Amino acid sequence: MDMADIEPLLATLPRLLKAGGRFVFTIQHPCFNANAIRMTVEEGEPGGELIYAIKLLDYLNVPPGTGAGMPGEPNPHYYFHRPLAELLGICFRAGWVMDGIEEPAFPAGAAPVGALSWRAFSGIPPVLAVRLRPRS
């Protein structure tokens, strides 16, 4: 997500792995965590529970853009959004086979750091983890 061109990395990695090795990467989940989403919170019925949701502005055509990194990071940095089909397609064309995928989210009831913290969105995974192995 922070690299403009990932093809050279994915093409080179199989030669760097030990026999039987795997490559694991984690990124911001491209479906739910990109420059084209907005976190929202609204009140249900008057006096009802708070409803946390993601507003998706675009998914297939999100240009590179800058955004905040870690809390306290002094400067924004670039993000290079890739829809799942594009991201995994690059991996498959480079000769990788996906043999594991996880979409971790914060557990329900995790103490929110702020109203629009990922900790408040227990049903939406902010991260995608993928395990790849070279095609035999």
C-alpha atoms as a PDB file:
ATOM      1  CA  MET A   1       0.000   0.000   0.000  1.00  0.00           C
ATOM      2  CA  ASP A   2       2.998   2.295   0.466  1.00  0.00           C
ATOM      3  CA  MET A   3       4.826   1.212  -2.708  1.00  0.00           C
ATOM      4  CA  ALA A   4       4.042   2.694  -6.109  1.00  0.00           C
ATOM      5  CA  ASP A   5       5.251  -0.400  -7.986  1.00  0.00           C
ATOM      6  CA  ILE A   6       5.037  -3.804  -6.288  1.00  0.00           C
ATOM      7  CA  GLU A   7       5.677  -5.994  -9.333  1.00  0.00           C
ATOM      8  CA  PRO A   8       9.509  -6.058  -8.991  1.00  0.00           C
ATOM      9  CA  LEU A   9       9.258  -7.085  -5.333  1.00  0.00           C
ATOM     10  CA  LEU A  10       6.797  -9.895  -6.011  1.00  0.00           C
ATOM     11  CA  ALA A  11       8.850 -11.136  -8.987  1.00  0.00           C
ATOM     12  CA  THR A  12      12.088 -11.248  -6.961  1.00  0.00           C
ATOM     13  CA  LEU A  13      10.884 -12.705  -3.652  1.00  0.00           C
ATOM     14  CA  PRO A  14      10.511 -16.360  -4.766  1.00  0.00           C
ATOM     15  CA  ARG A  15      14.267 -16.505  -5.449  1.00  0.00           C
ATOM     16  CA  LEU A  16      15.015 -15.148  -1.965  1.00  0.00           C
ATOM     17  CA  LEU A  17      12.905 -17.634  -0.004  1.00  0.00           C
ATOM     18  CA  LYS A  18      14.256 -20.854   1.436  1.00  0.00           C
ATOM     19  CA  ALA A  19      12.744 -24.049   0.025  1.00  0.00           C
ATOM     20  CA  GLY A  20       9.185 -24.346   1.325  1.00  0.00           C
ATOM     21  CA  GLY A  21       9.218 -20.715   2.462  1.00  0.00           C
ATOM     22  CA  ARG A  22       6.205 -18.422   2.497  1.00  0.00           C
ATOM     23  CA  PHE A  23       5.745 -14.681   2.023  1.00  0.00           C
ATOM     24  CA  VAL A  24       3.247 -12.967   4.325  1.00  0.00           C
ATOM     25  CA  PHE A  25       2.121  -9.393   3.924  1.00  0.00           C
ATOM     26  CA  THR A  26      -0.330  -7.189   5.752  1.00  0.00           C
ATOM     27  CA  ILE A  27      -1.897  -4.026   4.414  1.00  0.00           C
ATOM     28  CA  GLN A  28      -4.751  -1.726   5.206  1.00  0.00           C
ATOM     29  CA  HIS A  29      -7.798  -3.619   4.000  1.00  0.00           C
ATOM     30  CA  PRO A  30      -8.440  -2.258   0.483  1.00  0.00           C
ATOM     31  CA  CYS A  31     -12.207  -2.765   0.790  1.00  0.00           C
ATOM     32  CA  PHE A  32     -12.641  -0.827   4.028  1.00  0.00           C
ATOM     33  CA  ASN A  33      -9.558   1.266   4.733  1.00  0.00           C
ATOM     34  CA  ALA A  34      -8.448   3.613   1.963  1.00  0.00           C
ATOM     35  CA  ASN A  35      -8.377   7.285   1.034  1.00  0.00           C
ATOM     36  CA  ALA A  36     -11.883   6.871  -0.434  1.00  0.00           C
ATOM     37  CA  ILE A  37     -13.681   5.850   2.758  1.00  0.00           C
ATOM     38  CA  ARG A  38     -15.171   7.884   5.554  1.00  0.00           C
ATOM     39  CA  MET A  39     -15.841   6.596   9.036  1.00  0.00           C
ATOM     40  CA  THR A  40     -19.259   7.547  10.324  1.00  0.00           C
ATOM     41  CA  VAL A  41     -21.156   7.265  13.559  1.00  0.00           C
ATOM     42  CA  GLU A  42     -24.825   8.006  13.923  1.00  0.00           C
ATOM     43  CA  GLU A  43     -27.433   7.550  16.575  1.00  0.00           C
ATOM     44  CA  GLY A  44     -30.047   4.862  16.057  1.00  0.00           C
ATOM     45  CA  GLU A  45     -33.599   5.592  17.145  1.00  0.00           C
ATOM     46  CA  PRO A  46     -33.677   8.748  19.275  1.00  0.00           C
ATOM     47  CA  GLY A  47     -31.608   7.860  22.307  1.00  0.00           C
ATOM     48  CA  GLY A  48     -30.623   4.561  20.697  1.00  0.00           C
ATOM     49  CA  GLU A  49     -27.256   2.919  20.362  1.00  0.00           C
ATOM     50  CA  LEU A  50     -24.487   4.411  18.266  1.00  0.00           C
ATOM     51  CA  ILE A  51     -24.080   2.852  14.830  1.00  0.00           C
ATOM     52  CA  TYR A  52     -20.550   2.756  13.412  1.00  0.00           C
ATOM     53  CA  ALA A  53     -20.243   2.442   9.636  1.00  0.00           C
ATOM     54  CA  ILE A  54     -17.917   2.959   6.707  1.00  0.00           C
ATOM     55  CA  LYS A  55     -19.020   5.184   3.847  1.00  0.00           C
ATOM     56  CA  LEU A  56     -17.374   3.979   0.645  1.00  0.00           C
ATOM     57  CA  LEU A  57     -16.802   6.796  -1.852  1.00  0.00           C
ATOM     58  CA  ASP A  58     -14.977   4.701  -4.468  1.00  0.00           C
ATOM     59  CA  TYR A  59     -13.201   1.374  -4.653  1.00  0.00           C
ATOM     60  CA  LEU A  60     -12.087   0.591  -8.199  1.00  0.00           C
ATOM     61  CA  ASN A  61     -10.672   4.014  -9.116  1.00  0.00           C
ATOM     62  CA  VAL A  62      -8.901   5.445  -6.085  1.00  0.00           C
ATOM     63  CA  PRO A  63      -5.823   7.418  -7.141  1.00  0.00           C
ATOM     64  CA  PRO A  64      -2.665   7.534  -5.024  1.00  0.00           C
ATOM     65  CA  GLY A  65      -3.006  10.061  -2.264  1.00  0.00           C
ATOM     66  CA  THR A  66      -1.556  11.157   1.011  1.00  0.00           C
ATOM     67  CA  GLY A  67      -2.946  10.363   4.422  1.00  0.00           C
ATOM     68  CA  ALA A  68      -2.043  10.229   8.063  1.00  0.00           C
ATOM     69  CA  GLY A  69       0.159   7.406   9.239  1.00  0.00           C
ATOM     70  CA  MET A  70       0.714   6.554  12.869  1.00  0.00           C
ATOM     71  CA  PRO A  71      -0.535   8.961  15.547  1.00  0.00           C
ATOM     72  CA  GLY A  72       2.013  11.721  16.000  1.00  0.00           C
ATOM     73  CA  GLU A  73       3.653  11.152  12.612  1.00  0.00           C
ATOM     74  CA  PRO A  74       4.773  14.639  11.516  1.00  0.00           C
ATOM     75  CA  ASN A  75       3.984  14.373   7.785  1.00  0.00           C
ATOM     76  CA  PRO A  76       1.377  12.549   5.718  1.00  0.00           C
ATOM     77  CA  HIS A  77       2.665   9.851   3.385  1.00  0.00           C
ATOM     78  CA  TYR A  78       1.484   8.304   0.141  1.00  0.00           C
ATOM     79  CA  TYR A  79      -0.933   5.393  -0.109  1.00  0.00           C
ATOM     80  CA  PHE A  80      -1.339   3.387  -3.303  1.00  0.00           C
ATOM     81  CA  HIS A  81      -4.770   1.769  -3.238  1.00  0.00           C
ATOM     82  CA  ARG A  82      -5.230  -1.488  -5.139  1.00  0.00           C
ATOM     83  CA  PRO A  83      -8.581  -3.314  -5.284  1.00  0.00           C
ATOM     84  CA  LEU A  84      -8.339  -6.972  -4.265  1.00  0.00           C
ATOM     85  CA  ALA A  85      -8.461  -8.262  -7.856  1.00  0.00           C
ATOM     86  CA  GLU A  86      -5.593  -5.982  -8.869  1.00  0.00           C
ATOM     87  CA  LEU A  87      -3.482  -6.740  -5.783  1.00  0.00           C
ATOM     88  CA  LEU A  88      -3.925 -10.506  -5.912  1.00  0.00           C
ATOM     89  CA  GLY A  89      -3.706 -10.531  -9.714  1.00  0.00           C
ATOM     90  CA  ILE A  90      -0.216  -9.034  -9.462  1.00  0.00           C
ATOM     91  CA  CYS A  91       0.719 -11.804  -7.012  1.00  0.00           C
ATOM     92  CA  PHE A  92      -0.695 -14.571  -9.212  1.00  0.00           C
ATOM     93  CA  ARG A  93       1.003 -13.240 -12.392  1.00  0.00           C
ATOM     94  CA  ALA A  94       4.306 -13.223 -10.482  1.00  0.00           C
ATOM     95  CA  GLY A  95       3.893 -16.962  -9.845  1.00  0.00           C
ATOM     96  CA  TRP A  96       2.473 -16.933  -6.313  1.00  0.00           C
ATOM     97  CA  VAL A  97      -0.266 -19.137  -4.888  1.00  0.00           C
ATOM     98  CA  MET A  98      -2.320 -17.781  -2.000  1.00  0.00           C
ATOM     99  CA  ASP A  99      -2.631 -20.364   0.765  1.00  0.00           C
ATOM    100  CA  GLY A 100      -3.838 -18.211   3.635  1.00  0.00           C
ATOM    101  CA  ILE A 101      -5.894 -15.079   4.234  1.00  0.00           C
ATOM    102  CA  GLU A 102      -7.074 -13.305   7.386  1.00  0.00           C
ATOM    103  CA  GLU A 103      -9.187 -10.212   7.975  1.00  0.00           C
ATOM    104  CA  PRO A 104      -8.656  -9.343  11.640  1.00  0.00           C
ATOM    105  CA  ALA A 105     -10.875  -6.808  13.377  1.00  0.00           C
ATOM    106  CA  PHE A 106     -10.947  -5.437  16.883  1.00  0.00           C
ATOM    107  CA  PRO A 107     -13.171  -7.464  19.222  1.00  0.00           C
ATOM    108  CA  ALA A 108     -16.607  -6.150  20.128  1.00  0.00           C
ATOM    109  CA  GLY A 109     -16.408  -3.962  23.190  1.00  0.00           C
ATOM    110  CA  ALA A 110     -12.789  -2.927  22.647  1.00  0.00           C
ATOM    111  CA  ALA A 111     -12.293   0.406  24.331  1.00  0.00           C
ATOM    112  CA  PRO A 112     -12.452   3.112  21.648  1.00  0.00           C
ATOM    113  CA  VAL A 113      -9.529   5.491  21.559  1.00  0.00           C
ATOM    114  CA  GLY A 114     -11.847   8.020  19.932  1.00  0.00           C
ATOM    115  CA  ALA A 115     -15.349   8.009  18.506  1.00  0.00           C
ATOM    116  CA  LEU A 116     -13.986   7.226  15.043  1.00  0.00           C
ATOM    117  CA  SER A 117     -11.255   4.817  16.087  1.00  0.00           C
ATOM    118  CA  TRP A 118     -11.011   1.414  14.378  1.00  0.00           C
ATOM    119  CA  ARG A 119     -11.579  -0.093  17.831  1.00  0.00           C
ATOM    120  CA  ALA A 120     -15.224   0.989  17.536  1.00  0.00           C
ATOM    121  CA  PHE A 121     -15.739  -0.909  14.245  1.00  0.00           C
ATOM    122  CA  SER A 122     -15.668  -4.503  15.486  1.00  0.00           C
ATOM    123  CA  GLY A 123     -17.507  -5.861  12.428  1.00  0.00           C
ATOM    124  CA  ILE A 124     -15.251  -4.252   9.833  1.00  0.00           C
ATOM    125  CA  PRO A 125     -11.637  -5.438   9.384  1.00  0.00           C
ATOM    126  CA  PRO A 126      -9.134  -2.593   8.958  1.00  0.00           C
ATOM    127  CA  VAL A 127      -6.337  -4.992   7.930  1.00  0.00           C
ATOM    128  CA  LEU A 128      -5.849  -7.735   5.352  1.00  0.00           C
ATOM    129  CA  ALA A 129      -3.195 -10.429   5.902  1.00  0.00           C
ATOM    130  CA  VAL A 130      -2.223 -12.733   3.015  1.00  0.00           C
ATOM    131  CA  ARG A 131       0.144 -15.702   2.919  1.00  0.00           C
ATOM    132  CA  LEU A 132       1.687 -16.687  -0.426  1.00  0.00           C
ATOM    133  CA  ARG A 133       3.903 -19.521  -1.594  1.00  0.00           C
ATOM    134  CA  PRO A 134       5.718 -19.869  -4.906  1.00  0.00           C
ATOM    135  CA  ARG A 135       3.879 -21.963  -7.482  1.00  0.00           C
ATOM    136  CA  SER A 136       5.481 -25.423  -7.677  1.00  0.00           C
END
